[in-house]
Amino acid sequence: MPVCTQKQRSRKQPSLPKNSNESTLTPAGCRQMLACAEQLARAQSVRAIRLNVSDKNLPSVRLYEACDYRYIGDADLGLGAYGLTNFLLYEKGL
């Protein structure tokens, strides 16, 4: 399990790549980021984490399912003007 320190949380956020469709995170980096968020949430007595993901974002859907997030439903978040009409809702109990 990763150790998430205050120093890590307070670092300046990296800038987005010039091509915003270009991913700079590896699958392992994404898993580590989720594990860190879970660790921080547990430290604050959070009982569950919920995620909303576009049904078009298949790499993230696969990641969440591989990290034991449970599909709990669909939702329209009102982003149809941007081509995002359906979101999948995931949850993981901590």
N, C-alpha and C. Protein backbone atom coordinates (compact mmCIF):
# COMPACT_ATOMS: atom_id res chain seq x y z
N MET A 1 0.85 -1.18 0.00
CA MET A 1 0.00 0.00 0.00
C MET A 1 0.90 1.24 0.00
N PRO A 2 0.62 2.22 -0.84
CA PRO A 2 1.46 3.42 -0.89
C PRO A 2 1.30 4.25 0.37
N VAL A 3 2.34 4.96 0.68
CA VAL A 3 2.29 5.88 1.80
C VAL A 3 2.11 7.27 1.21
N CYS A 4 1.03 7.92 1.59
CA CYS A 4 0.70 9.25 1.08
C CYS A 4 0.98 10.26 2.17
N THR A 5 1.94 11.10 1.97
CA THR A 5 2.30 12.08 2.98
C THR A 5 1.77 13.45 2.61
N GLN A 6 1.74 14.32 3.58
CA GLN A 6 1.31 15.71 3.34
C GLN A 6 2.20 16.34 2.29
N LYS A 7 3.50 16.04 2.32
CA LYS A 7 4.41 16.61 1.34
C LYS A 7 3.99 16.21 -0.07
N GLN A 8 3.62 14.93 -0.26
CA GLN A 8 3.18 14.49 -1.56
C GLN A 8 1.90 15.20 -1.99
N ARG A 9 0.99 15.41 -1.07
CA ARG A 9 -0.29 16.03 -1.42
C ARG A 9 -0.13 17.51 -1.73
N SER A 10 0.90 18.15 -1.19
CA SER A 10 1.02 19.59 -1.37
C SER A 10 1.91 19.97 -2.55
N ARG A 11 2.46 18.98 -3.25
CA ARG A 11 3.29 19.29 -4.40
C ARG A 11 2.48 20.00 -5.48
N LYS A 12 3.15 20.84 -6.24
CA LYS A 12 2.49 21.53 -7.34
C LYS A 12 1.97 20.50 -8.33
N GLN A 13 0.75 20.71 -8.80
CA GLN A 13 0.15 19.78 -9.75
C GLN A 13 0.87 19.89 -11.08
N PRO A 14 1.11 18.74 -11.74
CA PRO A 14 1.76 18.79 -13.05
C PRO A 14 0.83 19.45 -14.06
N SER A 15 1.43 20.10 -15.05
CA SER A 15 0.60 20.73 -16.08
C SER A 15 0.10 19.65 -17.04
N LEU A 16 -1.01 19.94 -17.68
CA LEU A 16 -1.57 19.00 -18.65
C LEU A 16 -0.67 18.93 -19.87
N PRO A 17 -0.62 17.79 -20.53
CA PRO A 17 0.16 17.69 -21.76
C PRO A 17 -0.41 18.62 -22.81
N LYS A 18 0.41 18.98 -23.79
CA LYS A 18 -0.05 19.88 -24.84
C LYS A 18 -1.25 19.30 -25.57
N ASN A 19 -1.23 18.01 -25.82
CA ASN A 19 -2.38 17.33 -26.41
C ASN A 19 -3.17 16.73 -25.25
N SER A 20 -4.30 17.33 -24.90
CA SER A 20 -5.03 16.90 -23.71
C SER A 20 -5.57 15.48 -23.84
N ASN A 21 -5.57 14.90 -25.04
CA ASN A 21 -5.98 13.51 -25.21
C ASN A 21 -4.84 12.55 -24.89
N GLU A 22 -3.64 13.07 -24.74
CA GLU A 22 -2.47 12.26 -24.48
C GLU A 22 -2.37 11.95 -22.98
N SER A 23 -2.31 10.69 -22.65
CA SER A 23 -2.24 10.28 -21.25
C SER A 23 -0.79 10.24 -20.80
N THR A 24 -0.52 10.77 -19.63
CA THR A 24 0.83 10.74 -19.10
C THR A 24 0.95 9.75 -17.95
N LEU A 25 -0.15 9.13 -17.54
CA LEU A 25 -0.13 8.18 -16.44
C LEU A 25 -0.13 6.75 -16.97
N THR A 26 0.69 5.92 -16.36
CA THR A 26 0.70 4.51 -16.70
C THR A 26 -0.39 3.81 -15.91
N PRO A 27 -0.79 2.62 -16.32
CA PRO A 27 -1.77 1.88 -15.50
C PRO A 27 -1.29 1.69 -14.06
N ALA A 28 -0.02 1.42 -13.87
CA ALA A 28 0.51 1.27 -12.51
C ALA A 28 0.41 2.58 -11.74
N GLY A 29 0.66 3.70 -12.39
CA GLY A 29 0.54 5.00 -11.75
C GLY A 29 -0.90 5.31 -11.36
N CYS A 30 -1.83 4.91 -12.22
CA CYS A 30 -3.25 5.11 -11.92
C CYS A 30 -3.68 4.27 -10.73
N ARG A 31 -3.22 3.02 -10.68
CA ARG A 31 -3.54 2.15 -9.53
C ARG A 31 -2.97 2.73 -8.24
N GLN A 32 -1.76 3.26 -8.33
CA GLN A 32 -1.13 3.84 -7.14
C GLN A 32 -1.90 5.08 -6.68
N MET A 33 -2.36 5.88 -7.63
CA MET A 33 -3.12 7.07 -7.29
C MET A 33 -4.44 6.70 -6.60
N LEU A 34 -5.13 5.68 -7.11
CA LEU A 34 -6.36 5.21 -6.47
C LEU A 34 -6.08 4.68 -5.07
N ALA A 35 -5.00 3.90 -4.92
CA ALA A 35 -4.66 3.34 -3.61
C ALA A 35 -4.33 4.45 -2.62
N CYS A 36 -3.68 5.49 -3.08
CA CYS A 36 -3.35 6.63 -2.22
C CYS A 36 -4.63 7.35 -1.80
N ALA A 37 -5.55 7.56 -2.73
CA ALA A 37 -6.83 8.21 -2.39
C ALA A 37 -7.59 7.37 -1.37
N GLU A 38 -7.56 6.06 -1.54
CA GLU A 38 -8.25 5.17 -0.59
C GLU A 38 -7.60 5.25 0.79
N GLN A 39 -6.28 5.28 0.83
CA GLN A 39 -5.57 5.37 2.11
C GLN A 39 -5.91 6.69 2.82
N LEU A 40 -5.91 7.77 2.09
CA LEU A 40 -6.24 9.07 2.68
C LEU A 40 -7.69 9.10 3.17
N ALA A 41 -8.59 8.49 2.40
CA ALA A 41 -10.00 8.46 2.79
C ALA A 41 -10.18 7.64 4.06
N ARG A 42 -9.51 6.49 4.15
CA ARG A 42 -9.60 5.66 5.37
C ARG A 42 -9.11 6.44 6.58
N ALA A 43 -8.03 7.19 6.41
CA ALA A 43 -7.46 7.97 7.52
C ALA A 43 -8.45 9.01 8.03
N GLN A 44 -9.40 9.41 7.19
CA GLN A 44 -10.42 10.38 7.59
C GLN A 44 -11.75 9.71 7.88
N SER A 45 -11.72 8.40 8.08
CA SER A 45 -12.91 7.61 8.41
C SER A 45 -14.01 7.64 7.35
N VAL A 46 -13.61 7.82 6.11
CA VAL A 46 -14.55 7.75 5.00
C VAL A 46 -14.91 6.28 4.79
N ARG A 47 -16.18 6.00 4.59
CA ARG A 47 -16.62 4.61 4.49
C ARG A 47 -16.67 4.07 3.07
N ALA A 48 -16.71 4.96 2.06
CA ALA A 48 -16.78 4.50 0.67
C ALA A 48 -16.30 5.60 -0.26
N ILE A 49 -15.82 5.19 -1.41
CA ILE A 49 -15.45 6.13 -2.47
C ILE A 49 -16.35 5.83 -3.65
N ARG A 50 -16.92 6.88 -4.24
CA ARG A 50 -17.76 6.73 -5.42
C ARG A 50 -17.12 7.48 -6.58
N LEU A 51 -17.18 6.86 -7.74
CA LEU A 51 -16.59 7.42 -8.95
C LEU A 51 -17.63 7.46 -10.06
N ASN A 52 -17.61 8.50 -10.84
CA ASN A 52 -18.43 8.61 -12.04
C ASN A 52 -17.48 8.61 -13.22
N VAL A 53 -17.75 7.79 -14.22
CA VAL A 53 -16.87 7.71 -15.38
C VAL A 53 -17.72 7.61 -16.65
N SER A 54 -17.31 8.32 -17.68
CA SER A 54 -18.01 8.23 -18.96
C SER A 54 -17.98 6.80 -19.46
N ASP A 55 -19.08 6.35 -20.00
CA ASP A 55 -19.11 4.98 -20.54
C ASP A 55 -18.18 4.84 -21.74
N LYS A 56 -17.69 5.96 -22.27
CA LYS A 56 -16.75 5.93 -23.39
C LYS A 56 -15.30 5.79 -22.91
N ASN A 57 -15.06 5.94 -21.62
CA ASN A 57 -13.70 5.88 -21.07
C ASN A 57 -13.39 4.45 -20.61
N LEU A 58 -13.22 3.56 -21.57
CA LEU A 58 -13.04 2.15 -21.26
C LEU A 58 -11.77 1.84 -20.45
N PRO A 59 -10.65 2.52 -20.68
CA PRO A 59 -9.48 2.22 -19.83
C PRO A 59 -9.76 2.49 -18.35
N SER A 60 -10.48 3.56 -18.04
CA SER A 60 -10.80 3.85 -16.64
C SER A 60 -11.80 2.85 -16.08
N VAL A 61 -12.78 2.46 -16.89
CA VAL A 61 -13.75 1.46 -16.45
C VAL A 61 -13.02 0.17 -16.07
N ARG A 62 -12.11 -0.27 -16.94
CA ARG A 62 -11.35 -1.50 -16.65
C ARG A 62 -10.50 -1.35 -15.39
N LEU A 63 -9.89 -0.17 -15.21
CA LEU A 63 -9.07 0.07 -14.02
C LEU A 63 -9.91 -0.02 -12.76
N TYR A 64 -11.05 0.67 -12.74
CA TYR A 64 -11.89 0.67 -11.54
C TYR A 64 -12.37 -0.74 -11.20
N GLU A 65 -12.76 -1.49 -12.22
CA GLU A 65 -13.21 -2.85 -11.97
C GLU A 65 -12.07 -3.72 -11.46
N ALA A 66 -10.86 -3.54 -12.00
CA ALA A 66 -9.70 -4.31 -11.55
C ALA A 66 -9.31 -3.95 -10.12
N CYS A 67 -9.65 -2.74 -9.69
CA CYS A 67 -9.32 -2.28 -8.33
C CYS A 67 -10.50 -2.48 -7.37
N ASP A 68 -11.41 -3.38 -7.72
CA ASP A 68 -12.53 -3.79 -6.87
C ASP A 68 -13.60 -2.72 -6.65
N TYR A 69 -13.73 -1.79 -7.58
CA TYR A 69 -14.86 -0.87 -7.54
C TYR A 69 -16.05 -1.59 -8.15
N ARG A 70 -17.20 -1.43 -7.57
CA ARG A 70 -18.42 -2.14 -7.94
C ARG A 70 -19.34 -1.21 -8.73
N TYR A 71 -19.80 -1.68 -9.88
CA TYR A 71 -20.75 -0.93 -10.70
C TYR A 71 -22.08 -0.85 -9.94
N ILE A 72 -22.62 0.39 -9.78
CA ILE A 72 -23.87 0.54 -9.04
C ILE A 72 -24.98 1.22 -9.85
N GLY A 73 -24.70 1.62 -11.08
CA GLY A 73 -25.75 2.22 -11.89
C GLY A 73 -25.22 3.17 -12.95
N ASP A 74 -26.14 3.81 -13.65
CA ASP A 74 -25.83 4.79 -14.69
C ASP A 74 -26.45 6.13 -14.30
N ALA A 75 -25.92 7.19 -14.89
CA ALA A 75 -26.49 8.52 -14.64
C ALA A 75 -26.21 9.43 -15.84
N ASP A 76 -27.12 10.35 -16.05
CA ASP A 76 -26.92 11.43 -17.02
C ASP A 76 -26.53 12.65 -16.19
N LEU A 77 -25.30 13.11 -16.35
CA LEU A 77 -24.82 14.24 -15.55
C LEU A 77 -25.00 15.57 -16.25
N GLY A 78 -25.78 15.59 -17.31
CA GLY A 78 -26.08 16.85 -18.00
C GLY A 78 -24.95 17.36 -18.87
N LEU A 79 -24.11 16.47 -19.37
CA LEU A 79 -22.98 16.90 -20.20
C LEU A 79 -23.16 16.48 -21.66
N GLY A 80 -24.41 16.29 -22.07
CA GLY A 80 -24.70 15.87 -23.44
C GLY A 80 -24.16 16.82 -24.49
N ALA A 81 -24.10 18.11 -24.20
CA ALA A 81 -23.57 19.09 -25.15
C ALA A 81 -22.11 18.82 -25.48
N TYR A 82 -21.43 18.07 -24.61
CA TYR A 82 -20.02 17.73 -24.82
C TYR A 82 -19.85 16.29 -25.31
N GLY A 83 -20.96 15.66 -25.69
CA GLY A 83 -20.91 14.30 -26.18
C GLY A 83 -20.82 13.25 -25.08
N LEU A 84 -21.05 13.66 -23.85
CA LEU A 84 -20.97 12.75 -22.71
C LEU A 84 -22.37 12.56 -22.15
N THR A 85 -23.06 11.57 -22.65
CA THR A 85 -24.47 11.40 -22.29
C THR A 85 -24.72 10.36 -21.21
N ASN A 86 -23.77 9.45 -21.01
CA ASN A 86 -24.00 8.40 -20.02
C ASN A 86 -22.77 8.19 -19.17
N PHE A 87 -22.97 8.18 -17.87
CA PHE A 87 -21.88 7.92 -16.94
C PHE A 87 -22.18 6.67 -16.15
N LEU A 88 -21.15 5.88 -15.92
CA LEU A 88 -21.25 4.69 -15.10
C LEU A 88 -20.83 5.06 -13.69
N LEU A 89 -21.55 4.58 -12.71
CA LEU A 89 -21.27 4.90 -11.32
C LEU A 89 -20.64 3.68 -10.66
N TYR A 90 -19.51 3.92 -9.97
CA TYR A 90 -18.79 2.85 -9.28
C TYR A 90 -18.61 3.23 -7.83
N GLU A 91 -18.51 2.22 -6.98
CA GLU A 91 -18.34 2.44 -5.55
C GLU A 91 -17.44 1.35 -4.96
N LYS A 92 -16.65 1.75 -3.97
CA LYS A 92 -15.82 0.79 -3.24
C LYS A 92 -15.95 1.10 -1.75
N GLY A 93 -16.36 0.11 -0.98
CA GLY A 93 -16.41 0.27 0.47
C GLY A 93 -15.00 0.20 1.03
N LEU A 94 -14.75 1.02 2.02
CA LEU A 94 -13.40 1.05 2.62
C LEU A 94 -13.37 0.38 3.98
